[in-house]
Amino acid sequence: MAAIFTFYQNFLYPSAAVNLYCCYVIIDEGSGWYGLALFWLKVFTIPMLGALFHLSRAERLHFFHNLGYSTHRLYTLTALFDLGIWLLLVIITAQLV
């Protein structure tokens, strides 16, 4: 699991920006129901970030391949981890509103 956290660091800042934007929209609109619409924003940004990384920094994948992780597994586990963080933040934000 440490390899997934290490790989996720490549997506940390853009993903955190999207997460914070989603939380801001929920607070600004005053309803947690916007989380459903923002879910699709997150679903579309995750593959875009993955594609951007894959096109610009694919040489960094060799480190993870040497650890036994396939490219598909890395991206899938990272996407699930990122979606889990987003879901947790949205739930917390919706409860605060």
N, C-alpha and C. Protein backbone atom coordinates (compact mmCIF):
# COMPACT_ATOMS: atom_id res chain seq x y z
N MET A 1 0.82 -1.20 0.00
CA MET A 1 0.00 0.00 0.00
C MET A 1 0.86 1.26 0.00
N ALA A 2 2.06 1.17 0.50
CA ALA A 2 2.96 2.32 0.49
C ALA A 2 3.29 2.75 -0.93
N ALA A 3 3.34 1.80 -1.85
CA ALA A 3 3.62 2.14 -3.25
C ALA A 3 2.48 2.97 -3.83
N ILE A 4 1.26 2.68 -3.44
CA ILE A 4 0.11 3.44 -3.94
C ILE A 4 0.16 4.86 -3.40
N PHE A 5 0.51 5.03 -2.13
CA PHE A 5 0.64 6.37 -1.57
C PHE A 5 1.75 7.14 -2.28
N THR A 6 2.83 6.47 -2.59
CA THR A 6 3.94 7.11 -3.30
C THR A 6 3.50 7.51 -4.70
N PHE A 7 2.78 6.64 -5.38
CA PHE A 7 2.29 6.96 -6.72
C PHE A 7 1.26 8.08 -6.67
N TYR A 8 0.44 8.10 -5.63
CA TYR A 8 -0.60 9.13 -5.50
C TYR A 8 0.00 10.51 -5.33
N GLN A 9 1.21 10.62 -4.83
CA GLN A 9 1.85 11.92 -4.65
C GLN A 9 1.99 12.66 -5.97
N ASN A 10 2.02 11.95 -7.08
CA ASN A 10 2.08 12.59 -8.39
C ASN A 10 0.80 13.35 -8.71
N PHE A 11 -0.31 12.97 -8.10
CA PHE A 11 -1.61 13.56 -8.38
C PHE A 11 -2.12 14.42 -7.23
N LEU A 12 -1.35 14.55 -6.19
CA LEU A 12 -1.83 15.14 -4.95
C LEU A 12 -2.34 16.57 -5.12
N TYR A 13 -1.56 17.45 -5.70
CA TYR A 13 -1.95 18.86 -5.77
C TYR A 13 -3.14 19.12 -6.69
N PRO A 14 -3.15 18.60 -7.92
CA PRO A 14 -4.35 18.84 -8.74
C PRO A 14 -5.59 18.17 -8.17
N SER A 15 -5.43 17.00 -7.59
CA SER A 15 -6.57 16.31 -7.02
C SER A 15 -7.08 17.04 -5.78
N ALA A 16 -6.18 17.55 -4.96
CA ALA A 16 -6.60 18.31 -3.79
C ALA A 16 -7.33 19.59 -4.20
N ALA A 17 -6.90 20.20 -5.30
CA ALA A 17 -7.58 21.40 -5.78
C ALA A 17 -9.01 21.08 -6.18
N VAL A 18 -9.22 19.98 -6.87
CA VAL A 18 -10.57 19.58 -7.27
C VAL A 18 -11.40 19.24 -6.03
N ASN A 19 -10.80 18.54 -5.08
CA ASN A 19 -11.52 18.19 -3.85
C ASN A 19 -11.95 19.44 -3.08
N LEU A 20 -11.04 20.39 -2.94
CA LEU A 20 -11.38 21.61 -2.21
C LEU A 20 -12.41 22.45 -2.95
N TYR A 21 -12.35 22.45 -4.28
CA TYR A 21 -13.36 23.15 -5.06
C TYR A 21 -14.74 22.53 -4.83
N CYS A 22 -14.80 21.22 -4.81
CA CYS A 22 -16.08 20.54 -4.57
C CYS A 22 -16.63 20.88 -3.19
N CYS A 23 -15.76 20.90 -2.20
CA CYS A 23 -16.21 21.27 -0.85
C CYS A 23 -16.67 22.72 -0.80
N TYR A 24 -15.96 23.59 -1.52
CA TYR A 24 -16.37 24.99 -1.58
C TYR A 24 -17.76 25.14 -2.20
N VAL A 25 -18.03 24.42 -3.27
CA VAL A 25 -19.34 24.52 -3.93
C VAL A 25 -20.44 24.05 -2.99
N ILE A 26 -20.19 22.99 -2.25
CA ILE A 26 -21.20 22.48 -1.31
C ILE A 26 -21.46 23.52 -0.22
N ILE A 27 -20.41 24.14 0.30
CA ILE A 27 -20.59 25.16 1.34
C ILE A 27 -21.27 26.39 0.76
N ASP A 28 -20.87 26.81 -0.44
CA ASP A 28 -21.43 28.00 -1.06
C ASP A 28 -22.91 27.84 -1.38
N GLU A 29 -23.29 26.67 -1.87
CA GLU A 29 -24.69 26.43 -2.23
C GLU A 29 -25.54 26.05 -1.02
N GLY A 30 -24.91 25.59 0.04
CA GLY A 30 -25.64 25.29 1.26
C GLY A 30 -26.40 23.98 1.25
N SER A 31 -26.06 23.09 0.32
CA SER A 31 -26.77 21.82 0.25
C SER A 31 -25.79 20.71 -0.11
N GLY A 32 -25.91 19.61 0.57
CA GLY A 32 -25.08 18.46 0.28
C GLY A 32 -25.46 17.72 -0.98
N TRP A 33 -26.64 18.05 -1.54
CA TRP A 33 -27.10 17.38 -2.75
C TRP A 33 -26.23 17.74 -3.96
N TYR A 34 -25.47 18.81 -3.88
CA TYR A 34 -24.58 19.16 -4.97
C TYR A 34 -23.43 18.15 -5.08
N GLY A 35 -23.23 17.37 -4.04
CA GLY A 35 -22.21 16.33 -4.07
C GLY A 35 -22.46 15.31 -5.16
N LEU A 36 -23.73 15.07 -5.48
CA LEU A 36 -24.06 14.13 -6.55
C LEU A 36 -23.62 14.65 -7.91
N ALA A 37 -23.83 15.93 -8.15
CA ALA A 37 -23.39 16.52 -9.41
C ALA A 37 -21.87 16.63 -9.46
N LEU A 38 -21.28 16.95 -8.33
CA LEU A 38 -19.83 17.09 -8.27
C LEU A 38 -19.12 15.75 -8.39
N PHE A 39 -19.84 14.68 -8.11
CA PHE A 39 -19.28 13.35 -8.27
C PHE A 39 -18.82 13.15 -9.72
N TRP A 40 -19.63 13.62 -10.66
CA TRP A 40 -19.26 13.46 -12.07
C TRP A 40 -18.06 14.31 -12.44
N LEU A 41 -17.93 15.46 -11.81
CA LEU A 41 -16.72 16.27 -12.01
C LEU A 41 -15.49 15.48 -11.58
N LYS A 42 -15.59 14.85 -10.45
CA LYS A 42 -14.47 14.07 -9.93
C LYS A 42 -14.21 12.84 -10.81
N VAL A 43 -15.26 12.19 -11.25
CA VAL A 43 -15.11 11.00 -12.09
C VAL A 43 -14.41 11.35 -13.41
N PHE A 44 -14.67 12.52 -13.94
CA PHE A 44 -14.02 12.92 -15.20
C PHE A 44 -12.61 13.44 -15.00
N THR A 45 -12.32 14.03 -13.84
CA THR A 45 -10.98 14.57 -13.63
C THR A 45 -9.97 13.50 -13.28
N ILE A 46 -10.39 12.42 -12.66
CA ILE A 46 -9.44 11.36 -12.30
C ILE A 46 -8.78 10.76 -13.54
N PRO A 47 -9.54 10.35 -14.58
CA PRO A 47 -8.86 9.82 -15.78
C PRO A 47 -8.05 10.89 -16.53
N MET A 48 -8.51 12.13 -16.47
CA MET A 48 -7.75 13.19 -17.14
C MET A 48 -6.39 13.39 -16.47
N LEU A 49 -6.36 13.36 -15.14
CA LEU A 49 -5.08 13.48 -14.43
C LEU A 49 -4.19 12.27 -14.72
N GLY A 50 -4.79 11.09 -14.76
CA GLY A 50 -4.03 9.89 -15.08
C GLY A 50 -3.45 9.93 -16.48
N ALA A 51 -4.24 10.38 -17.43
CA ALA A 51 -3.75 10.49 -18.81
C ALA A 51 -2.65 11.54 -18.93
N LEU A 52 -2.82 12.65 -18.24
CA LEU A 52 -1.79 13.68 -18.26
C LEU A 52 -0.47 13.16 -17.68
N PHE A 53 -0.57 12.45 -16.57
CA PHE A 53 0.63 11.87 -15.98
C PHE A 53 1.25 10.83 -16.91
N HIS A 54 0.41 9.99 -17.48
CA HIS A 54 0.91 8.91 -18.33
C HIS A 54 1.59 9.46 -19.59
N LEU A 55 1.08 10.53 -20.12
CA LEU A 55 1.67 11.12 -21.32
C LEU A 55 2.94 11.90 -21.02
N SER A 56 3.01 12.51 -19.84
CA SER A 56 4.16 13.36 -19.55
C SER A 56 5.25 12.70 -18.73
N ARG A 57 4.90 11.72 -17.90
CA ARG A 57 5.89 11.14 -16.99
C ARG A 57 5.80 9.62 -16.93
N ALA A 58 5.63 9.00 -18.05
CA ALA A 58 5.49 7.54 -18.07
C ALA A 58 6.76 6.83 -17.63
N GLU A 59 7.90 7.49 -17.72
CA GLU A 59 9.15 6.84 -17.32
C GLU A 59 9.20 6.57 -15.81
N ARG A 60 8.40 7.27 -15.04
CA ARG A 60 8.36 7.03 -13.59
C ARG A 60 7.65 5.72 -13.23
N LEU A 61 6.96 5.13 -14.18
CA LEU A 61 6.25 3.89 -13.92
C LEU A 61 7.19 2.71 -13.76
N HIS A 62 8.41 2.80 -14.26
CA HIS A 62 9.35 1.68 -14.17
C HIS A 62 9.65 1.31 -12.71
N PHE A 63 9.71 2.30 -11.85
CA PHE A 63 9.95 2.04 -10.43
C PHE A 63 8.85 1.13 -9.87
N PHE A 64 7.61 1.44 -10.19
CA PHE A 64 6.48 0.67 -9.67
C PHE A 64 6.37 -0.69 -10.36
N HIS A 65 6.77 -0.76 -11.62
CA HIS A 65 6.78 -2.05 -12.31
C HIS A 65 7.79 -2.98 -11.66
N ASN A 66 8.92 -2.42 -11.22
CA ASN A 66 9.92 -3.24 -10.54
C ASN A 66 9.43 -3.74 -9.18
N LEU A 67 8.48 -3.05 -8.59
CA LEU A 67 7.88 -3.50 -7.33
C LEU A 67 6.78 -4.53 -7.55
N GLY A 68 6.42 -4.76 -8.80
CA GLY A 68 5.42 -5.77 -9.11
C GLY A 68 4.03 -5.23 -9.39
N TYR A 69 3.90 -3.92 -9.53
CA TYR A 69 2.60 -3.31 -9.82
C TYR A 69 2.48 -3.08 -11.32
N SER A 70 1.37 -3.51 -11.89
CA SER A 70 1.13 -3.22 -13.31
C SER A 70 0.59 -1.79 -13.43
N THR A 71 0.65 -1.26 -14.61
CA THR A 71 0.16 0.09 -14.85
C THR A 71 -1.33 0.18 -14.55
N HIS A 72 -2.07 -0.81 -15.00
CA HIS A 72 -3.52 -0.82 -14.77
C HIS A 72 -3.84 -0.86 -13.28
N ARG A 73 -3.12 -1.67 -12.55
CA ARG A 73 -3.36 -1.79 -11.10
C ARG A 73 -3.01 -0.49 -10.38
N LEU A 74 -1.92 0.15 -10.78
CA LEU A 74 -1.54 1.42 -10.17
C LEU A 74 -2.62 2.48 -10.35
N TYR A 75 -3.07 2.63 -11.59
CA TYR A 75 -4.06 3.66 -11.87
C TYR A 75 -5.40 3.33 -11.20
N THR A 76 -5.78 2.08 -11.19
CA THR A 76 -7.06 1.70 -10.58
C THR A 76 -7.04 1.93 -9.08
N LEU A 77 -6.00 1.47 -8.40
CA LEU A 77 -5.93 1.65 -6.95
C LEU A 77 -5.80 3.12 -6.57
N THR A 78 -5.06 3.87 -7.35
CA THR A 78 -4.92 5.30 -7.08
C THR A 78 -6.24 6.02 -7.29
N ALA A 79 -6.98 5.67 -8.34
CA ALA A 79 -8.28 6.29 -8.59
C ALA A 79 -9.26 5.96 -7.47
N LEU A 80 -9.27 4.74 -7.00
CA LEU A 80 -10.15 4.36 -5.89
C LEU A 80 -9.77 5.07 -4.60
N PHE A 81 -8.48 5.20 -4.35
CA PHE A 81 -8.00 5.92 -3.17
C PHE A 81 -8.41 7.38 -3.24
N ASP A 82 -8.23 8.00 -4.41
CA ASP A 82 -8.59 9.40 -4.59
C ASP A 82 -10.09 9.60 -4.46
N LEU A 83 -10.87 8.72 -5.02
CA LEU A 83 -12.33 8.82 -4.90
C LEU A 83 -12.77 8.63 -3.45
N GLY A 84 -12.09 7.76 -2.72
CA GLY A 84 -12.40 7.59 -1.30
C GLY A 84 -12.12 8.83 -0.48
N ILE A 85 -11.01 9.50 -0.77
CA ILE A 85 -10.69 10.76 -0.08
C ILE A 85 -11.75 11.80 -0.41
N TRP A 86 -12.12 11.89 -1.69
CA TRP A 86 -13.13 12.86 -2.11
C TRP A 86 -14.46 12.58 -1.41
N LEU A 87 -14.86 11.33 -1.36
CA LEU A 87 -16.12 10.96 -0.73
C LEU A 87 -16.12 11.33 0.75
N LEU A 88 -15.03 11.05 1.43
CA LEU A 88 -14.92 11.40 2.84
C LEU A 88 -15.03 12.91 3.04
N LEU A 89 -14.34 13.68 2.22
CA LEU A 89 -14.41 15.14 2.34
C LEU A 89 -15.81 15.68 2.05
N VAL A 90 -16.46 15.13 1.06
CA VAL A 90 -17.81 15.58 0.71
C VAL A 90 -18.79 15.25 1.82
N ILE A 91 -18.69 14.09 2.40
CA ILE A 91 -19.58 13.71 3.50
C ILE A 91 -19.38 14.62 4.70
N ILE A 92 -18.12 14.87 5.04
CA ILE A 92 -17.84 15.76 6.18
C ILE A 92 -18.36 17.17 5.90
N THR A 93 -18.12 17.66 4.68
CA THR A 93 -18.58 19.00 4.33
C THR A 93 -20.10 19.08 4.33
N ALA A 94 -20.77 18.08 3.81
CA ALA A 94 -22.24 18.09 3.76
C ALA A 94 -22.83 18.07 5.17
N GLN A 95 -22.16 17.41 6.10
CA GLN A 95 -22.66 17.39 7.47
C GLN A 95 -22.46 18.72 8.17
N LEU A 96 -21.46 19.47 7.75
CA LEU A 96 -21.20 20.77 8.37
C LEU A 96 -22.17 21.84 7.88
N VAL A 97 -22.73 21.63 6.70
CA VAL A 97 -23.64 22.65 6.11
C VAL A 97 -24.99 22.54 6.73
